[in-house]
Amino acid sequence: MALLVANFTTSGRTIGDGNRHSNVPQPDELGQLISPDEFIRKVREELNPALTEEAERLKSHCTLREMELECKPNILRAQLTMAEKNLKKATTRLEKLQAQQKYSAILKQLKQSKQTLFMDKVRLDMAQEEKIKNVLDLAKYSVDI
């Protein structure tokens, strides 16, 4: 015991390896390939068909709401083409001015509708994901990888 040590090697676990607070385990290759959240979501969907059905119902409801939102710009486009035809038909200067004002107003509404349509779809998707997450959290599964 009193001799000096020139070099040494260790194999297996050493005495201090049992202390989990001092040695944080390194993630293995499988842990890097599989996302725990994604794995939990898949297990929830596979194990409980009622929850899966509810999630699908929420997705279809969101799709219907998005289709409803897309109807407004389509209606405005139709009104815009009608206003453009009225503008071409106008004979007097007053009629042309009124038709031009109506055309400009509808065009402005259409542009605003297009801008808000994207943000409304994003909000709907976020709300849908939150509702699905809440439905799937009812199962309260957990996984250790």
Protein backbone atom coordinates (compact mmCIF):
# COMPACT_ATOMS: atom_id res chain seq x y z
CA MET A 1 0.00 0.00 0.00
CA ALA A 2 2.89 2.34 0.52
CA LEU A 3 4.17 1.91 -3.04
CA LEU A 4 3.59 4.65 -5.62
CA VAL A 5 1.22 3.89 -8.50
CA ALA A 6 2.60 4.47 -12.01
CA ASN A 7 -0.69 3.99 -13.90
CA PHE A 8 -3.98 2.15 -13.56
CA THR A 9 -7.10 1.15 -15.49
CA THR A 10 -10.65 0.55 -14.38
CA SER A 11 -13.23 -1.83 -15.75
CA GLY A 12 -16.93 -1.78 -14.99
CA ARG A 13 -18.41 0.52 -12.42
CA THR A 14 -16.31 2.10 -9.73
CA ILE A 15 -17.39 2.71 -6.16
CA GLY A 16 -18.48 6.32 -6.78
CA ASP A 17 -20.72 5.38 -9.72
CA GLY A 18 -23.60 4.52 -7.41
CA ASN A 19 -24.07 8.17 -6.48
CA ARG A 20 -26.61 9.32 -9.08
CA HIS A 21 -26.29 12.97 -8.07
CA SER A 22 -22.59 13.22 -8.84
CA ASN A 23 -22.63 11.17 -12.08
CA VAL A 24 -25.30 12.10 -14.58
CA PRO A 25 -25.86 9.21 -17.01
CA GLN A 26 -25.16 9.98 -20.64
CA PRO A 27 -28.04 9.33 -23.05
CA ASP A 28 -27.61 6.27 -25.18
CA GLU A 29 -28.21 6.03 -28.93
CA LEU A 30 -31.78 4.76 -28.58
CA GLY A 31 -32.69 7.68 -26.34
CA GLN A 32 -31.49 10.08 -29.01
CA LEU A 33 -33.51 8.35 -31.73
CA ILE A 34 -36.82 8.25 -29.86
CA SER A 35 -38.54 11.35 -28.54
CA PRO A 36 -40.26 10.52 -25.21
CA ASP A 37 -43.15 12.90 -25.90
CA GLU A 38 -43.76 11.40 -29.33
CA PHE A 39 -43.56 7.87 -27.88
CA ILE A 40 -46.09 8.71 -25.14
CA ARG A 41 -48.45 10.23 -27.71
CA LYS A 42 -48.28 7.11 -29.91
CA VAL A 43 -48.90 4.78 -26.97
CA ARG A 44 -51.88 6.84 -25.86
CA GLU A 45 -53.38 6.74 -29.32
CA GLU A 46 -52.85 3.00 -29.69
CA LEU A 47 -54.14 2.00 -26.26
CA ASN A 48 -57.30 4.02 -26.04
CA PRO A 49 -59.49 4.13 -29.17
CA ALA A 50 -62.03 6.44 -27.49
CA LEU A 51 -59.38 9.09 -26.97
CA THR A 52 -58.20 8.63 -30.54
CA GLU A 53 -61.75 9.04 -31.79
CA GLU A 54 -62.17 12.22 -29.77
CA ALA A 55 -58.88 13.60 -31.15
CA GLU A 56 -60.04 12.85 -34.70
CA ARG A 57 -63.35 14.58 -34.01
CA LEU A 58 -61.49 17.67 -32.81
CA LYS A 59 -59.29 17.61 -35.91
CA SER A 60 -62.29 17.39 -38.23
CA HIS A 61 -64.02 20.22 -36.36
CA CYS A 62 -60.93 22.37 -36.83
CA THR A 63 -60.84 21.55 -40.54
CA LEU A 64 -64.49 22.61 -40.87
CA ARG A 65 -63.76 25.89 -39.08
CA GLU A 66 -60.84 26.54 -41.45
CA MET A 67 -63.11 25.93 -44.43
CA GLU A 68 -65.63 28.39 -43.00
CA LEU A 69 -62.87 30.98 -42.63
CA GLU A 70 -61.85 30.49 -46.27
CA CYS A 71 -65.41 31.23 -47.45
CA LYS A 72 -65.24 34.94 -46.58
CA PRO A 73 -62.38 35.76 -49.01
CA ASN A 74 -64.16 33.76 -51.72
CA ILE A 75 -67.35 35.79 -51.21
CA LEU A 76 -65.33 39.01 -51.33
CA ARG A 77 -63.65 37.88 -54.57
CA ALA A 78 -67.07 37.32 -56.13
CA GLN A 79 -68.20 40.77 -54.96
CA LEU A 80 -65.00 42.24 -56.37
CA THR A 81 -65.65 40.80 -59.82
CA MET A 82 -69.22 42.14 -59.71
CA ALA A 83 -67.96 45.58 -58.69
CA GLU A 84 -65.42 45.45 -61.52
CA LYS A 85 -68.20 44.66 -64.01
CA ASN A 86 -70.29 47.52 -62.62
CA LEU A 87 -67.28 49.80 -62.98
CA LYS A 88 -66.97 48.87 -66.66
CA LYS A 89 -70.72 49.35 -67.21
CA ALA A 90 -70.83 52.78 -65.61
CA THR A 91 -71.62 55.51 -68.12
CA THR A 92 -71.76 58.74 -66.16
CA ARG A 93 -68.95 60.18 -64.16
CA LEU A 94 -70.91 59.88 -60.88
CA GLU A 95 -71.63 56.19 -61.50
CA LYS A 96 -67.95 55.56 -62.28
CA LEU A 97 -66.88 57.34 -59.09
CA GLN A 98 -69.34 55.39 -56.95
CA ALA A 99 -68.38 52.10 -58.61
CA GLN A 100 -64.68 52.88 -58.13
CA GLN A 101 -65.25 53.63 -54.42
CA LYS A 102 -67.20 50.40 -53.97
CA TYR A 103 -64.48 48.46 -55.83
CA SER A 104 -61.75 50.00 -53.65
CA ALA A 105 -63.66 49.27 -50.45
CA ILE A 106 -64.18 45.61 -51.40
CA LEU A 107 -60.54 45.29 -52.46
CA LYS A 108 -59.46 46.69 -49.07
CA GLN A 109 -61.73 44.22 -47.26
CA LEU A 110 -60.32 41.36 -49.35
CA LYS A 111 -56.73 42.27 -48.47
CA GLN A 112 -57.58 42.52 -44.77
CA SER A 113 -59.41 39.21 -44.95
CA LYS A 114 -56.39 37.50 -46.52
CA GLN A 115 -54.11 38.87 -43.81
CA THR A 116 -56.33 37.77 -40.96
CA LEU A 117 -57.08 34.39 -42.55
CA PHE A 118 -53.55 33.09 -42.01
CA MET A 119 -53.41 34.20 -38.37
CA ASP A 120 -56.88 32.81 -37.70
CA LYS A 121 -55.81 29.43 -39.11
CA VAL A 122 -52.71 29.45 -36.89
CA ARG A 123 -54.85 30.25 -33.85
CA LEU A 124 -57.26 27.45 -34.72
CA ASP A 125 -54.43 24.95 -35.14
CA MET A 126 -52.90 25.96 -31.81
CA ALA A 127 -56.25 25.70 -30.05
CA GLN A 128 -56.84 22.30 -31.68
CA GLU A 129 -53.46 20.99 -30.54
CA GLU A 130 -54.12 22.25 -27.02
CA LYS A 131 -57.55 20.57 -26.90
CA ILE A 132 -56.14 17.30 -28.22
CA LYS A 133 -53.33 17.49 -25.67
CA ASN A 134 -55.87 18.02 -22.90
CA VAL A 135 -57.94 15.06 -24.09
CA LEU A 136 -54.91 12.80 -24.30
CA ASP A 137 -53.66 13.95 -20.89
CA LEU A 138 -56.67 12.25 -19.36
CA ALA A 139 -54.85 8.95 -19.67
CA LYS A 140 -51.76 10.28 -17.81
CA TYR A 141 -49.23 7.81 -19.11
CA SER A 142 -45.53 8.24 -18.44
CA VAL A 143 -42.42 6.59 -19.86
CA ASP A 144 -38.81 6.25 -18.80
CA ILE A 145 -36.35 5.72 -21.59
